[in-house]
Amino acid sequence: LPTDPNYSVSPHYKMFNARSETIYDKKSFSGLIRNGQTCIVALEGYYEWTESQSSLRDKRKQPYYVCYKNKQRPLLMAGLWSCVKTGKKIKNANNATNIEDETITTFAIVTTDAHPDYAWLHPRQPVILWDTSIALEWLTRPNFQTVEKLRTIPIRGGLVNVNGETKKE
């Protein structure tokens, strides 16, 4: 996610995670948060993959689905958005004779160290916005203190479900 809308053709738009602890240090993300380009990514859940524990010789990965236990609401994750050039040329929608650079809107999910209860699954996890007040603060007043607060919000016991899934043949 480059910070400059006139950024040259780059693979930066392929970055999909932003570490919360370095978000103000990395050029790719610091301008976005300072410009208020924060967003919320709402998902029913997400997958993490771990090495299979069934056998030492088994190199397959085991998928685990992480979601709210009651599945009555989505997980809300902190994100950063940007518009970036892809390097492709496209015809202008309003004037077919004009060729312009293709621009897409993209986002990265903000991550933090995993909660101790889930560190066995992966050492990092998305920053989950547990209530509307912190979600509103993330959207309207993102600053260093907000990021620090997000990093310390624990996963509330019993809210998150981690399901191991078997491969359907």
N, C-alpha and C. Protein backbone atom coordinates (compact mmCIF):
# COMPACT_ATOMS: atom_id res chain seq x y z
N LEU A 1 0.83 -1.18 0.00
CA LEU A 1 0.00 0.00 0.00
C LEU A 1 0.87 1.24 0.00
N PRO A 2 1.20 1.78 -1.12
CA PRO A 2 1.99 3.00 -1.15
C PRO A 2 1.19 4.18 -0.60
N THR A 3 1.87 5.14 -0.06
CA THR A 3 1.18 6.29 0.51
C THR A 3 0.91 7.36 -0.53
N ASP A 4 1.64 7.36 -1.63
CA ASP A 4 1.52 8.38 -2.65
C ASP A 4 0.61 7.89 -3.78
N PRO A 5 -0.50 8.59 -4.07
CA PRO A 5 -1.40 8.13 -5.13
C PRO A 5 -0.75 8.13 -6.51
N ASN A 6 0.36 8.84 -6.69
CA ASN A 6 1.07 8.86 -7.97
C ASN A 6 2.25 7.87 -7.97
N TYR A 7 2.25 6.96 -7.03
CA TYR A 7 3.31 5.98 -6.88
C TYR A 7 3.53 5.21 -8.17
N SER A 8 4.76 4.91 -8.46
CA SER A 8 5.06 4.17 -9.70
C SER A 8 4.58 2.73 -9.57
N VAL A 9 4.58 2.03 -10.68
CA VAL A 9 4.14 0.64 -10.73
C VAL A 9 4.95 -0.14 -9.70
N SER A 10 4.26 -0.85 -8.84
CA SER A 10 4.94 -1.52 -7.73
C SER A 10 4.10 -2.68 -7.22
N PRO A 11 4.75 -3.70 -6.67
CA PRO A 11 3.99 -4.80 -6.06
C PRO A 11 3.48 -4.46 -4.67
N HIS A 12 3.64 -3.22 -4.22
CA HIS A 12 3.23 -2.84 -2.88
C HIS A 12 1.75 -3.09 -2.63
N TYR A 13 0.93 -3.02 -3.66
CA TYR A 13 -0.50 -3.21 -3.43
C TYR A 13 -0.83 -4.64 -3.04
N LYS A 14 0.17 -5.53 -3.09
CA LYS A 14 -0.04 -6.92 -2.72
C LYS A 14 0.19 -7.17 -1.23
N MET A 15 0.62 -6.17 -0.48
CA MET A 15 0.82 -6.35 0.96
C MET A 15 -0.54 -6.41 1.62
N PHE A 16 -0.79 -7.47 2.38
CA PHE A 16 -2.11 -7.60 2.97
C PHE A 16 -2.11 -7.60 4.49
N ASN A 17 -0.94 -7.52 5.13
CA ASN A 17 -0.87 -7.40 6.58
C ASN A 17 0.00 -6.20 6.95
N ALA A 18 -0.42 -5.50 7.99
CA ALA A 18 0.34 -4.36 8.52
C ALA A 18 0.55 -4.62 10.01
N ARG A 19 1.80 -4.76 10.43
CA ARG A 19 2.10 -5.02 11.84
C ARG A 19 1.79 -3.77 12.67
N SER A 20 0.94 -3.94 13.67
CA SER A 20 0.52 -2.80 14.49
C SER A 20 1.69 -2.15 15.21
N GLU A 21 2.69 -2.93 15.60
CA GLU A 21 3.79 -2.37 16.37
C GLU A 21 4.76 -1.53 15.53
N THR A 22 4.69 -1.67 14.19
CA THR A 22 5.59 -0.89 13.33
C THR A 22 4.81 -0.02 12.33
N ILE A 23 3.54 0.12 12.54
CA ILE A 23 2.67 0.81 11.58
C ILE A 23 3.09 2.27 11.35
N TYR A 24 3.65 2.92 12.38
CA TYR A 24 4.10 4.31 12.24
C TYR A 24 5.52 4.41 11.70
N ASP A 25 6.24 3.30 11.67
CA ASP A 25 7.63 3.30 11.20
C ASP A 25 7.76 2.96 9.72
N LYS A 26 6.86 2.16 9.20
CA LYS A 26 6.95 1.69 7.82
C LYS A 26 6.36 2.71 6.86
N LYS A 27 7.14 3.08 5.88
CA LYS A 27 6.70 4.07 4.89
C LYS A 27 5.42 3.63 4.19
N SER A 28 5.29 2.32 3.97
CA SER A 28 4.11 1.80 3.28
C SER A 28 2.81 2.09 4.01
N PHE A 29 2.87 2.22 5.34
CA PHE A 29 1.65 2.35 6.13
C PHE A 29 1.54 3.64 6.93
N SER A 30 2.65 4.27 7.28
CA SER A 30 2.60 5.43 8.19
C SER A 30 1.77 6.58 7.62
N GLY A 31 1.89 6.86 6.35
CA GLY A 31 1.11 7.93 5.74
C GLY A 31 -0.37 7.62 5.72
N LEU A 32 -0.71 6.35 5.56
CA LEU A 32 -2.13 5.97 5.52
C LEU A 32 -2.80 6.24 6.86
N ILE A 33 -2.14 5.82 7.93
CA ILE A 33 -2.77 6.04 9.25
C ILE A 33 -2.78 7.52 9.60
N ARG A 34 -1.73 8.23 9.24
CA ARG A 34 -1.70 9.67 9.53
C ARG A 34 -2.77 10.43 8.73
N ASN A 35 -3.10 9.93 7.54
CA ASN A 35 -4.13 10.56 6.70
C ASN A 35 -5.54 10.06 7.03
N GLY A 36 -5.65 9.20 8.03
CA GLY A 36 -6.98 8.69 8.42
C GLY A 36 -7.54 7.67 7.47
N GLN A 37 -6.69 6.97 6.72
CA GLN A 37 -7.17 5.97 5.77
C GLN A 37 -7.32 4.62 6.47
N THR A 38 -8.11 4.64 7.54
CA THR A 38 -8.40 3.43 8.29
C THR A 38 -9.74 2.88 7.83
N CYS A 39 -9.91 1.59 8.01
CA CYS A 39 -11.17 0.95 7.63
C CYS A 39 -11.43 -0.22 8.55
N ILE A 40 -12.60 -0.77 8.43
CA ILE A 40 -12.96 -1.98 9.16
C ILE A 40 -13.27 -3.06 8.14
N VAL A 41 -12.66 -4.21 8.32
CA VAL A 41 -12.88 -5.36 7.45
C VAL A 41 -13.77 -6.33 8.23
N ALA A 42 -14.98 -6.55 7.73
CA ALA A 42 -15.93 -7.43 8.41
C ALA A 42 -15.94 -8.80 7.73
N LEU A 43 -15.69 -9.84 8.52
CA LEU A 43 -15.64 -11.21 8.00
C LEU A 43 -16.43 -12.14 8.91
N GLU A 44 -17.04 -13.18 8.33
CA GLU A 44 -17.65 -14.21 9.16
C GLU A 44 -16.57 -14.93 9.97
N GLY A 45 -15.41 -15.08 9.37
CA GLY A 45 -14.30 -15.75 10.01
C GLY A 45 -13.13 -15.82 9.05
N TYR A 46 -12.06 -16.46 9.48
CA TYR A 46 -10.89 -16.59 8.62
C TYR A 46 -10.19 -17.91 8.94
N TYR A 47 -9.36 -18.35 8.01
CA TYR A 47 -8.63 -19.60 8.18
C TYR A 47 -7.18 -19.34 8.56
N GLU A 48 -6.67 -20.18 9.44
CA GLU A 48 -5.25 -20.30 9.72
C GLU A 48 -4.89 -21.75 9.41
N TRP A 49 -3.68 -21.94 8.93
CA TRP A 49 -3.23 -23.27 8.55
C TRP A 49 -2.02 -23.65 9.39
N THR A 50 -2.04 -24.87 9.95
CA THR A 50 -0.90 -25.36 10.72
C THR A 50 -0.44 -26.69 10.16
N GLU A 51 0.79 -27.06 10.51
CA GLU A 51 1.29 -28.37 10.11
C GLU A 51 0.41 -29.44 10.74
N SER A 52 0.13 -30.48 9.99
CA SER A 52 -0.69 -31.58 10.49
C SER A 52 0.04 -32.28 11.63
N GLN A 53 -0.69 -32.63 12.69
CA GLN A 53 -0.10 -33.33 13.82
C GLN A 53 -0.34 -34.84 13.75
N SER A 54 -0.95 -35.32 12.66
CA SER A 54 -1.32 -36.73 12.58
C SER A 54 -0.11 -37.65 12.44
N SER A 55 0.96 -37.15 11.86
CA SER A 55 2.14 -37.99 11.65
C SER A 55 3.33 -37.10 11.35
N LEU A 56 4.50 -37.54 11.77
CA LEU A 56 5.71 -36.78 11.47
C LEU A 56 6.00 -36.75 9.97
N ARG A 57 5.55 -37.79 9.27
CA ARG A 57 5.79 -37.86 7.82
C ARG A 57 4.73 -37.10 7.02
N ASP A 58 3.66 -36.74 7.67
CA ASP A 58 2.56 -36.05 6.99
C ASP A 58 2.88 -34.56 6.90
N LYS A 59 3.09 -34.06 5.70
CA LYS A 59 3.45 -32.65 5.49
C LYS A 59 2.26 -31.79 5.11
N ARG A 60 1.06 -32.37 5.13
CA ARG A 60 -0.12 -31.58 4.81
C ARG A 60 -0.41 -30.58 5.92
N LYS A 61 -1.11 -29.52 5.55
CA LYS A 61 -1.48 -28.51 6.54
C LYS A 61 -2.94 -28.70 6.94
N GLN A 62 -3.21 -28.42 8.20
CA GLN A 62 -4.55 -28.53 8.76
C GLN A 62 -5.19 -27.15 8.81
N PRO A 63 -6.36 -26.97 8.17
CA PRO A 63 -7.03 -25.66 8.26
C PRO A 63 -7.84 -25.55 9.56
N TYR A 64 -7.81 -24.37 10.15
CA TYR A 64 -8.63 -24.04 11.32
C TYR A 64 -9.42 -22.79 10.99
N TYR A 65 -10.71 -22.83 11.26
CA TYR A 65 -11.58 -21.70 10.98
C TYR A 65 -11.82 -20.93 12.28
N VAL A 66 -11.52 -19.63 12.28
CA VAL A 66 -11.65 -18.78 13.46
C VAL A 66 -12.85 -17.86 13.24
N CYS A 67 -13.81 -17.88 14.19
CA CYS A 67 -15.02 -17.07 14.07
C CYS A 67 -15.62 -16.87 15.46
N TYR A 68 -16.65 -16.03 15.56
CA TYR A 68 -17.40 -15.94 16.81
C TYR A 68 -18.12 -17.26 17.03
N LYS A 69 -18.23 -17.67 18.29
CA LYS A 69 -18.88 -18.94 18.60
C LYS A 69 -20.33 -18.97 18.14
N ASN A 70 -21.05 -17.90 18.37
CA ASN A 70 -22.48 -17.91 18.01
C ASN A 70 -22.72 -17.57 16.54
N LYS A 71 -21.70 -17.12 15.85
CA LYS A 71 -21.79 -16.76 14.42
C LYS A 71 -22.92 -15.78 14.12
N GLN A 72 -23.36 -15.02 15.12
CA GLN A 72 -24.45 -14.08 14.91
C GLN A 72 -23.96 -12.70 14.49
N ARG A 73 -22.64 -12.51 14.52
CA ARG A 73 -22.09 -11.24 14.06
C ARG A 73 -20.72 -11.50 13.46
N PRO A 74 -20.28 -10.58 12.60
CA PRO A 74 -18.98 -10.78 11.96
C PRO A 74 -17.83 -10.37 12.88
N LEU A 75 -16.64 -10.88 12.58
CA LEU A 75 -15.43 -10.38 13.20
C LEU A 75 -15.12 -9.05 12.53
N LEU A 76 -14.82 -8.03 13.30
CA LEU A 76 -14.47 -6.73 12.76
C LEU A 76 -12.97 -6.54 12.96
N MET A 77 -12.24 -6.40 11.87
CA MET A 77 -10.79 -6.29 11.93
C MET A 77 -10.36 -4.88 11.52
N ALA A 78 -9.32 -4.38 12.19
CA ALA A 78 -8.76 -3.08 11.85
C ALA A 78 -8.01 -3.20 10.53
N GLY A 79 -8.20 -2.21 9.67
CA GLY A 79 -7.52 -2.22 8.37
C GLY A 79 -7.08 -0.83 7.95
N LEU A 80 -6.27 -0.79 6.91
CA LEU A 80 -5.83 0.45 6.26
C LEU A 80 -6.14 0.31 4.78
N TRP A 81 -6.60 1.39 4.15
CA TRP A 81 -6.94 1.32 2.73
C TRP A 81 -6.11 2.33 1.94
N SER A 82 -6.02 2.07 0.64
CA SER A 82 -5.31 2.97 -0.26
C SER A 82 -5.78 2.73 -1.69
N CYS A 83 -5.57 3.71 -2.53
CA CYS A 83 -5.78 3.56 -3.97
C CYS A 83 -4.40 3.50 -4.61
N VAL A 84 -4.17 2.49 -5.43
CA VAL A 84 -2.85 2.30 -6.03
C VAL A 84 -2.97 2.00 -7.52
N LYS A 85 -1.93 2.36 -8.23
CA LYS A 85 -1.85 2.06 -9.66
C LYS A 85 -1.33 0.64 -9.85
N THR A 86 -1.94 -0.07 -10.79
CA THR A 86 -1.56 -1.46 -11.03
C THR A 86 -0.49 -1.60 -12.09
N GLY A 87 -0.28 -0.57 -12.89
CA GLY A 87 0.66 -0.66 -14.00
C GLY A 87 -0.03 -0.97 -15.33
N LYS A 88 -1.33 -1.25 -15.28
CA LYS A 88 -2.09 -1.53 -16.49
C LYS A 88 -2.69 -0.23 -17.02
N LYS A 89 -2.85 -0.17 -18.33
CA LYS A 89 -3.52 0.96 -18.98
C LYS A 89 -4.94 0.54 -19.32
N ILE A 90 -5.89 1.44 -19.07
CA ILE A 90 -7.29 1.15 -19.38
C ILE A 90 -7.92 2.34 -20.08
N LYS A 91 -9.02 2.06 -20.77
CA LYS A 91 -9.77 3.14 -21.42
C LYS A 91 -10.59 3.86 -20.37
N ASN A 92 -10.65 5.17 -20.47
CA ASN A 92 -11.45 5.99 -19.59
C ASN A 92 -12.92 5.66 -19.81
N ALA A 93 -13.67 5.43 -18.75
CA ALA A 93 -15.08 5.06 -18.86
C ALA A 93 -15.91 6.16 -19.50
N ASN A 94 -15.54 7.42 -19.31
CA ASN A 94 -16.30 8.54 -19.85
C ASN A 94 -15.86 8.95 -21.25
N ASN A 95 -14.64 8.57 -21.61
CA ASN A 95 -14.10 8.96 -22.90
C ASN A 95 -13.18 7.83 -23.40
N ALA A 96 -13.72 6.99 -24.27
CA ALA A 96 -13.01 5.79 -24.71
C ALA A 96 -11.70 6.08 -25.45
N THR A 97 -11.51 7.30 -25.91
CA THR A 97 -10.26 7.62 -26.61
C THR A 97 -9.13 7.93 -25.63
N ASN A 98 -9.47 8.22 -24.40
CA ASN A 98 -8.44 8.51 -23.39
C ASN A 98 -8.00 7.22 -22.69
N ILE A 99 -6.72 7.00 -22.65
CA ILE A 99 -6.15 5.85 -21.94
C ILE A 99 -5.56 6.38 -20.64
N GLU A 100 -5.84 5.68 -19.54
CA GLU A 100 -5.32 6.12 -18.25
C GLU A 100 -4.79 4.93 -17.47
N ASP A 101 -4.06 5.22 -16.41
CA ASP A 101 -3.55 4.17 -15.54
C ASP A 101 -4.69 3.58 -14.73
N GLU A 102 -4.72 2.25 -14.66
CA GLU A 102 -5.72 1.57 -13.83
C GLU A 102 -5.35 1.79 -12.36
N THR A 103 -6.35 2.16 -11.58
CA THR A 103 -6.16 2.34 -10.14
C THR A 103 -7.16 1.46 -9.42
N ILE A 104 -6.70 0.77 -8.39
CA ILE A 104 -7.60 -0.06 -7.59
C ILE A 104 -7.57 0.41 -6.14
N THR A 105 -8.66 0.17 -5.45
CA THR A 105 -8.71 0.42 -4.01
C THR A 105 -8.39 -0.91 -3.33
N THR A 106 -7.47 -0.87 -2.39
CA THR A 106 -7.02 -2.09 -1.72
C THR A 106 -6.90 -1.83 -0.23
N PHE A 107 -6.68 -2.87 0.54
CA PHE A 107 -6.55 -2.70 1.98
C PHE A 107 -5.58 -3.72 2.55
N ALA A 108 -5.11 -3.43 3.74
CA ALA A 108 -4.28 -4.35 4.51
C ALA A 108 -4.92 -4.53 5.87
N ILE A 109 -4.85 -5.72 6.42
CA ILE A 109 -5.37 -5.99 7.76
C ILE A 109 -4.25 -5.73 8.77
N VAL A 110 -4.59 -5.03 9.84
CA VAL A 110 -3.63 -4.73 10.90
C VAL A 110 -3.52 -5.97 11.80
N THR A 111 -2.28 -6.37 12.10
CA THR A 111 -2.06 -7.57 12.92
C THR A 111 -1.31 -7.22 14.20
N THR A 112 -1.36 -8.15 15.14
CA THR A 112 -0.66 -8.02 16.42
C THR A 112 -0.22 -9.41 16.87
N ASP A 113 0.53 -9.46 17.98
CA ASP A 113 0.91 -10.75 18.55
C ASP A 113 -0.35 -11.51 18.92
N ALA A 114 -0.31 -12.82 18.75
CA ALA A 114 -1.48 -13.64 19.06
C ALA A 114 -1.76 -13.65 20.55
N HIS A 115 -3.04 -13.71 20.89
CA HIS A 115 -3.46 -13.91 22.27
C HIS A 115 -2.88 -15.26 22.74
N PRO A 116 -2.43 -15.36 23.99
CA PRO A 116 -1.82 -16.62 24.46
C PRO A 116 -2.69 -17.86 24.24
N ASP A 117 -4.01 -17.71 24.31
CA ASP A 117 -4.89 -18.87 24.11
C ASP A 117 -4.86 -19.38 22.66
N TYR A 118 -4.41 -18.54 21.74
CA TYR A 118 -4.43 -18.92 20.33
C TYR A 118 -3.05 -18.94 19.68
N ALA A 119 -2.01 -18.73 20.46
CA ALA A 119 -0.65 -18.69 19.91
C ALA A 119 -0.23 -20.04 19.31
N TRP A 120 -0.84 -21.13 19.75
CA TRP A 120 -0.53 -22.45 19.17
C TRP A 120 -0.93 -22.50 17.70
N LEU A 121 -1.90 -21.69 17.34
CA LEU A 121 -2.43 -21.69 15.98
C LEU A 121 -1.55 -20.87 15.04
N HIS A 122 -1.12 -19.69 15.51
CA HIS A 122 -0.29 -18.80 14.71
C HIS A 122 0.30 -17.75 15.66
N PRO A 123 1.53 -17.30 15.43
CA PRO A 123 2.12 -16.31 16.34
C PRO A 123 1.50 -14.91 16.23
N ARG A 124 0.74 -14.66 15.17
CA ARG A 124 0.12 -13.35 14.98
C ARG A 124 -1.37 -13.55 14.72
N GLN A 125 -2.11 -12.47 14.92
CA GLN A 125 -3.55 -12.50 14.65
C GLN A 125 -3.99 -11.13 14.18
N PRO A 126 -5.13 -11.06 13.51
CA PRO A 126 -5.67 -9.75 13.14
C PRO A 126 -6.05 -8.97 14.40
N VAL A 127 -5.98 -7.65 14.31
CA VAL A 127 -6.48 -6.80 15.40
C VAL A 127 -8.00 -6.82 15.29
N ILE A 128 -8.65 -7.39 16.30
CA ILE A 128 -10.10 -7.51 16.30
C ILE A 128 -10.68 -6.32 17.07
N LEU A 129 -11.67 -5.66 16.47
CA LEU A 129 -12.36 -4.52 17.10
C LEU A 129 -13.58 -5.09 17.81
N TRP A 130 -13.49 -5.20 19.14
CA TRP A 130 -14.50 -5.92 19.91
C TRP A 130 -15.76 -5.13 20.19
N ASP A 131 -15.67 -3.83 20.23
CA ASP A 131 -16.89 -3.08 20.51
C ASP A 131 -16.94 -1.82 19.64
N THR A 132 -18.11 -1.22 19.60
CA THR A 132 -18.32 -0.09 18.69
C THR A 132 -17.50 1.14 19.08
N SER A 133 -17.23 1.34 20.37
CA SER A 133 -16.48 2.53 20.76
C SER A 133 -15.05 2.48 20.22
N ILE A 134 -14.40 1.33 20.30
CA ILE A 134 -13.03 1.23 19.79
C ILE A 134 -13.04 1.24 18.26
N ALA A 135 -14.07 0.66 17.65
CA ALA A 135 -14.18 0.69 16.19
C ALA A 135 -14.35 2.14 15.70
N LEU A 136 -15.18 2.91 16.39
CA LEU A 136 -15.37 4.32 16.03
C LEU A 136 -14.08 5.11 16.21
N GLU A 137 -13.36 4.84 17.29
CA GLU A 137 -12.09 5.53 17.52
C GLU A 137 -11.10 5.20 16.40
N TRP A 138 -11.06 3.94 15.98
CA TRP A 138 -10.17 3.52 14.89
C TRP A 138 -10.51 4.27 13.59
N LEU A 139 -11.79 4.45 13.32
CA LEU A 139 -12.21 5.10 12.09
C LEU A 139 -12.08 6.62 12.12
N THR A 140 -12.32 7.22 13.27
CA THR A 140 -12.40 8.69 13.32
C THR A 140 -11.17 9.38 13.89
N ARG A 141 -10.45 8.74 14.80
CA ARG A 141 -9.31 9.39 15.44
C ARG A 141 -8.12 8.43 15.56
N PRO A 142 -7.66 7.87 14.46
CA PRO A 142 -6.53 6.94 14.59
C PRO A 142 -5.27 7.70 15.00
N ASN A 143 -4.63 7.25 16.05
CA ASN A 143 -3.38 7.84 16.49
C ASN A 143 -2.56 6.76 17.20
N PHE A 144 -1.38 7.13 17.64
CA PHE A 144 -0.49 6.17 18.26
C PHE A 144 -1.14 5.50 19.48
N GLN A 145 -1.83 6.29 20.31
CA GLN A 145 -2.47 5.74 21.50
C GLN A 145 -3.58 4.74 21.13
N THR A 146 -4.32 5.04 20.07
CA THR A 146 -5.36 4.12 19.62
C THR A 146 -4.75 2.80 19.19
N VAL A 147 -3.67 2.87 18.43
CA VAL A 147 -3.00 1.64 17.97
C VAL A 147 -2.52 0.83 19.17
N GLU A 148 -1.93 1.49 20.15
CA GLU A 148 -1.46 0.78 21.36
C GLU A 148 -2.64 0.13 22.09
N LYS A 149 -3.76 0.82 22.16
CA LYS A 149 -4.95 0.27 22.81
C LYS A 149 -5.44 -0.97 22.05
N LEU A 150 -5.45 -0.89 20.73
CA LEU A 150 -5.89 -2.03 19.92
C LEU A 150 -5.01 -3.25 20.13
N ARG A 151 -3.71 -3.00 20.30
CA ARG A 151 -2.77 -4.12 20.48
C ARG A 151 -2.98 -4.84 21.79
N THR A 152 -3.57 -4.17 22.77
CA THR A 152 -3.71 -4.78 24.10
C THR A 152 -5.11 -5.30 24.38
N ILE A 153 -6.03 -5.13 23.47
CA ILE A 153 -7.38 -5.65 23.70
C ILE A 153 -7.33 -7.17 23.58
N PRO A 154 -7.64 -7.86 24.67
CA PRO A 154 -7.56 -9.33 24.62
C PRO A 154 -8.77 -9.94 23.92
N ILE A 155 -8.60 -11.16 23.48
CA ILE A 155 -9.75 -11.92 22.97
C ILE A 155 -10.54 -12.30 24.21
N ARG A 156 -11.77 -11.88 24.25
CA ARG A 156 -12.60 -12.18 25.41
C ARG A 156 -12.96 -13.65 25.43
N GLY A 157 -12.74 -14.28 26.56
CA GLY A 157 -12.94 -15.72 26.70
C GLY A 157 -14.30 -16.18 26.21
N GLY A 158 -14.29 -17.25 25.46
CA GLY A 158 -15.52 -17.86 25.01
C GLY A 158 -16.16 -17.24 23.78
N LEU A 159 -15.65 -16.12 23.31
CA LEU A 159 -16.27 -15.48 22.16
C LEU A 159 -15.81 -16.07 20.84
N VAL A 160 -14.54 -16.49 20.80
CA VAL A 160 -13.98 -16.96 19.54
C VAL A 160 -13.93 -18.49 19.52
N ASN A 161 -14.27 -19.03 18.39
CA ASN A 161 -14.27 -20.46 18.19
C ASN A 161 -13.21 -20.81 17.15
N VAL A 162 -12.42 -21.84 17.41
CA VAL A 162 -11.42 -22.31 16.45
C VAL A 162 -11.80 -23.75 16.12
N ASN A 163 -12.21 -23.98 14.88
CA ASN A 163 -12.63 -25.30 14.45
C ASN A 163 -11.62 -25.90 13.49
N GLY A 164 -11.13 -27.09 13.83
CA GLY A 164 -10.31 -27.82 12.87
C GLY A 164 -11.24 -28.40 11.81
N GLU A 165 -10.85 -28.30 10.57
CA GLU A 165 -11.70 -28.79 9.50
C GLU A 165 -10.98 -29.91 8.76
N THR A 166 -11.74 -30.90 8.34
CA THR A 166 -11.16 -32.01 7.60
C THR A 166 -11.37 -31.78 6.12
N LYS A 167 -10.44 -32.27 5.35
CA LYS A 167 -10.54 -32.10 3.89
C LYS A 167 -11.64 -33.01 3.35
N LYS A 168 -12.51 -32.42 2.55
CA LYS A 168 -13.58 -33.20 1.93
C LYS A 168 -13.06 -33.81 0.65
N GLU A 169 -13.17 -35.09 0.53
CA GLU A 169 -12.65 -35.78 -0.66
C GLU A 169 -13.74 -35.94 -1.68
